[in-house]
PDB file of N, CA and C in Angstrom:
ATOM      1  N   UNK A   1       0.851  -1.156   0.000  1.00  0.00           N
ATOM      2  CA  UNK A   1       0.000   0.000   0.000  1.00  0.00           C
ATOM      3  C   UNK A   1       0.905   1.229   0.000  1.00  0.00           C
ATOM      4  N   UNK A   2       0.507   2.243  -0.784  1.00  0.00           N
ATOM      5  CA  UNK A   2       1.300   3.464  -0.843  1.00  0.00           C
ATOM      6  C   UNK A   2       0.410   4.652  -1.215  1.00  0.00           C
ATOM      7  N   UNK A   3       0.916   5.833  -0.965  1.00  0.00           N
ATOM      8  CA  UNK A   3       0.245   7.065  -1.369  1.00  0.00           C
ATOM      9  C   UNK A   3       0.867   7.560  -2.659  1.00  0.00           C
ATOM     10  N   UNK A   4       0.036   8.085  -3.549  1.00  0.00           N
ATOM     11  CA  UNK A   4       0.523   8.744  -4.761  1.00  0.00           C
ATOM     12  C   UNK A   4       0.178  10.219  -4.658  1.00  0.00           C
ATOM     13  N   UNK A   5       1.140  11.046  -4.915  1.00  0.00           N
ATOM     14  CA  UNK A   5       0.987  12.490  -4.926  1.00  0.00           C
ATOM     15  C   UNK A   5       1.058  12.923  -6.381  1.00  0.00           C
ATOM     16  N   UNK A   6       0.085  13.709  -6.839  1.00  0.00           N
ATOM     17  CA  UNK A   6       0.068  14.091  -8.253  1.00  0.00           C
ATOM     18  C   UNK A   6      -0.636  15.423  -8.443  1.00  0.00           C
ATOM     19  N   UNK A   7      -0.457  16.017  -9.629  1.00  0.00           N
ATOM     20  CA  UNK A   7      -1.165  17.245  -9.992  1.00  0.00           C
ATOM     21  C   UNK A   7      -2.363  16.877 -10.863  1.00  0.00           C
ATOM     22  N   UNK A   8      -3.485  17.536 -10.595  1.00  0.00           N
ATOM     23  CA  UNK A   8      -4.693  17.264 -11.369  1.00  0.00           C
ATOM     24  C   UNK A   8      -4.698  18.093 -12.662  1.00  0.00           C
ATOM     25  N   UNK A   9      -5.807  18.072 -13.382  1.00  0.00           N
ATOM     26  CA  UNK A   9      -5.889  18.726 -14.691  1.00  0.00           C
ATOM     27  C   UNK A   9      -5.783  20.249 -14.622  1.00  0.00           C
ATOM     28  N   UNK A  10      -6.022  20.840 -13.456  1.00  0.00           N
ATOM     29  CA  UNK A  10      -5.886  22.297 -13.340  1.00  0.00           C
ATOM     30  C   UNK A  10      -4.616  22.697 -12.589  1.00  0.00           C
ATOM     31  N   UNK A  11      -3.723  21.724 -12.374  1.00  0.00           N
ATOM     32  CA  UNK A  11      -2.414  22.012 -11.803  1.00  0.00           C
ATOM     33  C   UNK A  11      -2.354  22.066 -10.294  1.00  0.00           C
ATOM     34  N   UNK A  12      -3.391  21.586  -9.613  1.00  0.00           N
ATOM     35  CA  UNK A  12      -3.365  21.555  -8.159  1.00  0.00           C
ATOM     36  C   UNK A  12      -2.980  20.165  -7.676  1.00  0.00           C
ATOM     37  N   UNK A  13      -2.462  20.095  -6.454  1.00  0.00           N
ATOM     38  CA  UNK A  13      -1.971  18.831  -5.893  1.00  0.00           C
ATOM     39  C   UNK A  13      -3.097  18.000  -5.315  1.00  0.00           C
ATOM     40  N   UNK A  14      -3.016  16.693  -5.507  1.00  0.00           N
ATOM     41  CA  UNK A  14      -3.945  15.718  -4.941  1.00  0.00           C
ATOM     42  C   UNK A  14      -3.173  14.487  -4.513  1.00  0.00           C
ATOM     43  N   UNK A  15      -3.823  13.633  -3.721  1.00  0.00           N
ATOM     44  CA  UNK A  15      -3.223  12.369  -3.318  1.00  0.00           C
ATOM     45  C   UNK A  15      -4.247  11.258  -3.459  1.00  0.00           C
ATOM     46  N   UNK A  16      -3.730  10.037  -3.567  1.00  0.00           N
ATOM     47  CA  UNK A  16      -4.575   8.843  -3.534  1.00  0.00           C
ATOM     48  C   UNK A  16      -3.825   7.749  -2.793  1.00  0.00           C
ATOM     49  N   UNK A  17      -4.586   6.899  -2.103  1.00  0.00           N
ATOM     50  CA  UNK A  17      -4.025   5.752  -1.403  1.00  0.00           C
ATOM     51  C   UNK A  17      -4.310   4.526  -2.253  1.00  0.00           C
ATOM     52  N   UNK A  18      -3.257   3.814  -2.644  1.00  0.00           N
ATOM     53  CA  UNK A  18      -3.357   2.689  -3.560  1.00  0.00           C
ATOM     54  C   UNK A  18      -2.993   1.406  -2.820  1.00  0.00           C
ATOM     55  N   UNK A  19      -3.849   0.399  -2.941  1.00  0.00           N
ATOM     56  CA  UNK A  19      -3.608  -0.898  -2.306  1.00  0.00           C
ATOM     57  C   UNK A  19      -2.566  -1.683  -3.096  1.00  0.00           C
ATOM     58  N   UNK A  20      -2.113  -2.778  -2.533  1.00  0.00           N
ATOM     59  CA  UNK A  20      -1.089  -3.588  -3.191  1.00  0.00           C
ATOM     60  C   UNK A  20      -1.585  -4.225  -4.491  1.00  0.00           C
ATOM     61  N   UNK A  21      -2.912  -4.277  -4.691  1.00  0.00           N
ATOM     62  CA  UNK A  21      -3.463  -4.784  -5.957  1.00  0.00           C
ATOM     63  C   UNK A  21      -3.696  -3.647  -6.956  1.00  0.00           C
ATOM     64  N   UNK A  22      -3.148  -2.480  -6.679  1.00  0.00           N
ATOM     65  CA  UNK A  22      -3.176  -1.280  -7.522  1.00  0.00           C
ATOM     66  C   UNK A  22      -4.563  -0.642  -7.633  1.00  0.00           C
ATOM     67  N   UNK A  23      -5.470  -0.971  -6.739  1.00  0.00           N
ATOM     68  CA  UNK A  23      -6.779  -0.309  -6.722  1.00  0.00           C
ATOM     69  C   UNK A  23      -6.731   0.861  -5.751  1.00  0.00           C
ATOM     70  N   UNK A  24      -7.344   1.968  -6.157  1.00  0.00           N
ATOM     71  CA  UNK A  24      -7.421   3.139  -5.296  1.00  0.00           C
ATOM     72  C   UNK A  24      -8.439   2.877  -4.205  1.00  0.00           C
ATOM     73  N   UNK A  25      -8.024   3.057  -2.958  1.00  0.00           N
ATOM     74  CA  UNK A  25      -8.946   2.808  -1.856  1.00  0.00           C
ATOM     75  C   UNK A  25      -9.329   4.094  -1.125  1.00  0.00           C
ATOM     76  N   UNK A  26      -8.614   5.182  -1.388  1.00  0.00           N
ATOM     77  CA  UNK A  26      -8.969   6.488  -0.831  1.00  0.00           C
ATOM     78  C   UNK A  26      -8.311   7.561  -1.687  1.00  0.00           C
ATOM     79  N   UNK A  27      -8.913   8.738  -1.695  1.00  0.00           N
ATOM     80  CA  UNK A  27      -8.298   9.865  -2.388  1.00  0.00           C
ATOM     81  C   UNK A  27      -8.663  11.166  -1.691  1.00  0.00           C
ATOM     82  N   UNK A  28      -7.941  12.223  -2.066  1.00  0.00           N
ATOM     83  CA  UNK A  28      -8.219  13.516  -1.460  1.00  0.00           C
ATOM     84  C   UNK A  28      -9.549  14.030  -1.986  1.00  0.00           C
ATOM     85  N   UNK A  29     -10.356  14.536  -1.111  1.00  0.00           N
ATOM     86  CA  UNK A  29     -11.653  15.074  -1.502  1.00  0.00           C
ATOM     87  C   UNK A  29     -11.504  16.495  -2.042  1.00  0.00           C
ATOM     88  N   UNK A  30     -10.347  17.064  -1.826  1.00  0.00           N
ATOM     89  CA  UNK A  30     -10.086  18.417  -2.289  1.00  0.00           C
ATOM     90  C   UNK A  30      -8.707  18.477  -2.932  1.00  0.00           C
ATOM     91  N   UNK A  31      -8.480  19.542  -3.680  1.00  0.00           N
ATOM     92  CA  UNK A  31      -7.152  19.756  -4.248  1.00  0.00           C
ATOM     93  C   UNK A  31      -6.457  20.841  -3.431  1.00  0.00           C
ATOM     94  N   UNK A  32      -5.135  20.871  -3.535  1.00  0.00           N
ATOM     95  CA  UNK A  32      -4.321  21.791  -2.749  1.00  0.00           C
ATOM     96  C   UNK A  32      -3.451  22.623  -3.679  1.00  0.00           C
ATOM     97  N   UNK A  33      -3.346  23.917  -3.391  1.00  0.00           N
ATOM     98  CA  UNK A  33      -2.474  24.782  -4.183  1.00  0.00           C
ATOM     99  C   UNK A  33      -1.010  24.470  -3.915  1.00  0.00           C
ATOM    100  N   UNK A  34      -0.692  24.161  -2.659  1.00  0.00           N
ATOM    101  CA  UNK A  34       0.696  23.926  -2.268  1.00  0.00           C
ATOM    102  C   UNK A  34       0.945  22.445  -2.021  1.00  0.00           C
ATOM    103  N   UNK A  35       2.095  21.977  -2.470  1.00  0.00           N
ATOM    104  CA  UNK A  35       2.477  20.578  -2.271  1.00  0.00           C
ATOM    105  C   UNK A  35       2.558  20.241  -0.780  1.00  0.00           C
ATOM    106  N   UNK A  36       3.088  21.165   0.030  1.00  0.00           N
ATOM    107  CA  UNK A  36       3.219  20.929   1.467  1.00  0.00           C
ATOM    108  C   UNK A  36       1.855  20.742   2.121  1.00  0.00           C
ATOM    109  N   UNK A  37       0.851  21.475   1.666  1.00  0.00           N
ATOM    110  CA  UNK A  37      -0.499  21.313   2.207  1.00  0.00           C
ATOM    111  C   UNK A  37      -1.053  19.936   1.864  1.00  0.00           C
ATOM    112  N   UNK A  38      -0.750  19.458   0.667  1.00  0.00           N
ATOM    113  CA  UNK A  38      -1.188  18.118   0.254  1.00  0.00           C
ATOM    114  C   UNK A  38      -0.512  17.054   1.116  1.00  0.00           C
ATOM    115  N   UNK A  39       0.776  17.218   1.362  1.00  0.00           N
ATOM    116  CA  UNK A  39       1.496  16.280   2.223  1.00  0.00           C
ATOM    117  C   UNK A  39       0.936  16.296   3.643  1.00  0.00           C
ATOM    118  N   UNK A  40       0.524  17.466   4.118  1.00  0.00           N
ATOM    119  CA  UNK A  40      -0.087  17.560   5.446  1.00  0.00           C
ATOM    120  C   UNK A  40      -1.420  16.811   5.466  1.00  0.00           C
ATOM    121  N   UNK A  41      -2.175  16.874   4.366  1.00  0.00           N
ATOM    122  CA  UNK A  41      -3.421  16.116   4.260  1.00  0.00           C
ATOM    123  C   UNK A  41      -3.173  14.616   4.317  1.00  0.00           C
ATOM    124  N   UNK A  42      -2.103  14.164   3.688  1.00  0.00           N
ATOM    125  CA  UNK A  42      -1.735  12.748   3.747  1.00  0.00           C
ATOM    126  C   UNK A  42      -1.429  12.363   5.188  1.00  0.00           C
ATOM    127  N   UNK A  43      -0.710  13.205   5.895  1.00  0.00           N
ATOM    128  CA  UNK A  43      -0.350  12.895   7.286  1.00  0.00           C
ATOM    129  C   UNK A  43      -1.590  12.760   8.171  1.00  0.00           C
ATOM    130  N   UNK A  44      -2.637  13.542   7.892  1.00  0.00           N
ATOM    131  CA  UNK A  44      -3.870  13.428   8.665  1.00  0.00           C
ATOM    132  C   UNK A  44      -4.511  12.057   8.475  1.00  0.00           C
ATOM    133  N   UNK A  45      -4.469  11.548   7.258  1.00  0.00           N
ATOM    134  CA  UNK A  45      -5.047  10.244   6.958  1.00  0.00           C
ATOM    135  C   UNK A  45      -4.108   9.128   7.404  1.00  0.00           C
ATOM    136  N   UNK A  46      -2.842   9.340   7.194  1.00  0.00           N
ATOM    137  CA  UNK A  46      -1.831   8.329   7.441  1.00  0.00           C
ATOM    138  C   UNK A  46      -1.719   7.953   8.913  1.00  0.00           C
ATOM    139  N   UNK A  47      -1.811   8.907   9.808  1.00  0.00           N
ATOM    140  CA  UNK A  47      -1.652   8.636  11.226  1.00  0.00           C
ATOM    141  C   UNK A  47      -0.296   8.011  11.502  1.00  0.00           C
ATOM    142  N   UNK A  48      -0.279   6.834  12.074  1.00  0.00           N
ATOM    143  CA  UNK A  48       0.985   6.178  12.385  1.00  0.00           C
ATOM    144  C   UNK A  48       1.348   5.099  11.369  1.00  0.00           C
ATOM    145  N   UNK A  49       0.543   4.940  10.327  1.00  0.00           N
ATOM    146  CA  UNK A  49       0.837   3.931   9.313  1.00  0.00           C
ATOM    147  C   UNK A  49       2.032   4.373   8.476  1.00  0.00           C
ATOM    148  N   UNK A  50       2.879   3.461   8.088  1.00  0.00           N
ATOM    149  CA  UNK A  50       4.129   3.796   7.402  1.00  0.00           C
ATOM    150  C   UNK A  50       4.069   3.611   5.896  1.00  0.00           C
ATOM    151  N   UNK A  51       2.960   3.886   5.262  1.00  0.00           N
ATOM    152  CA  UNK A  51       2.862   3.766   3.803  1.00  0.00           C
ATOM    153  C   UNK A  51       3.732   4.831   3.163  1.00  0.00           C
ATOM    154  N   UNK A  52       4.554   4.462   2.188  1.00  0.00           N
ATOM    155  CA  UNK A  52       5.385   5.448   1.512  1.00  0.00           C
ATOM    156  C   UNK A  52       4.556   6.382   0.633  1.00  0.00           C
ATOM    157  N   UNK A  53       5.147   7.544   0.290  1.00  0.00           N
ATOM    158  CA  UNK A  53       4.503   8.516  -0.583  1.00  0.00           C
ATOM    159  C   UNK A  53       5.338   8.630  -1.838  1.00  0.00           C
ATOM    160  N   UNK A  54       4.722   8.444  -3.008  1.00  0.00           N
ATOM    161  CA  UNK A  54       5.419   8.563  -4.286  1.00  0.00           C
ATOM    162  C   UNK A  54       4.817   9.718  -5.081  1.00  0.00           C
ATOM    163  N   UNK A  55       5.657  10.366  -5.862  1.00  0.00           N
ATOM    164  CA  UNK A  55       5.194  11.445  -6.711  1.00  0.00           C
ATOM    165  C   UNK A  55       5.278  11.026  -8.150  1.00  0.00           C
TER     166      UNK A  55
END
């Protein structure tokens, strides 16, 4: 399981949580202007889980 960090069609940052079978199991409900804000959103969901973040 891992997080993917990406830019959407209007250039804002989003994230998705992908399971080991490559299916998306969660995604950001909003987009972020700043990459750091998107990473902070991942941390809120991530809690203490150690899923890596890929861009």
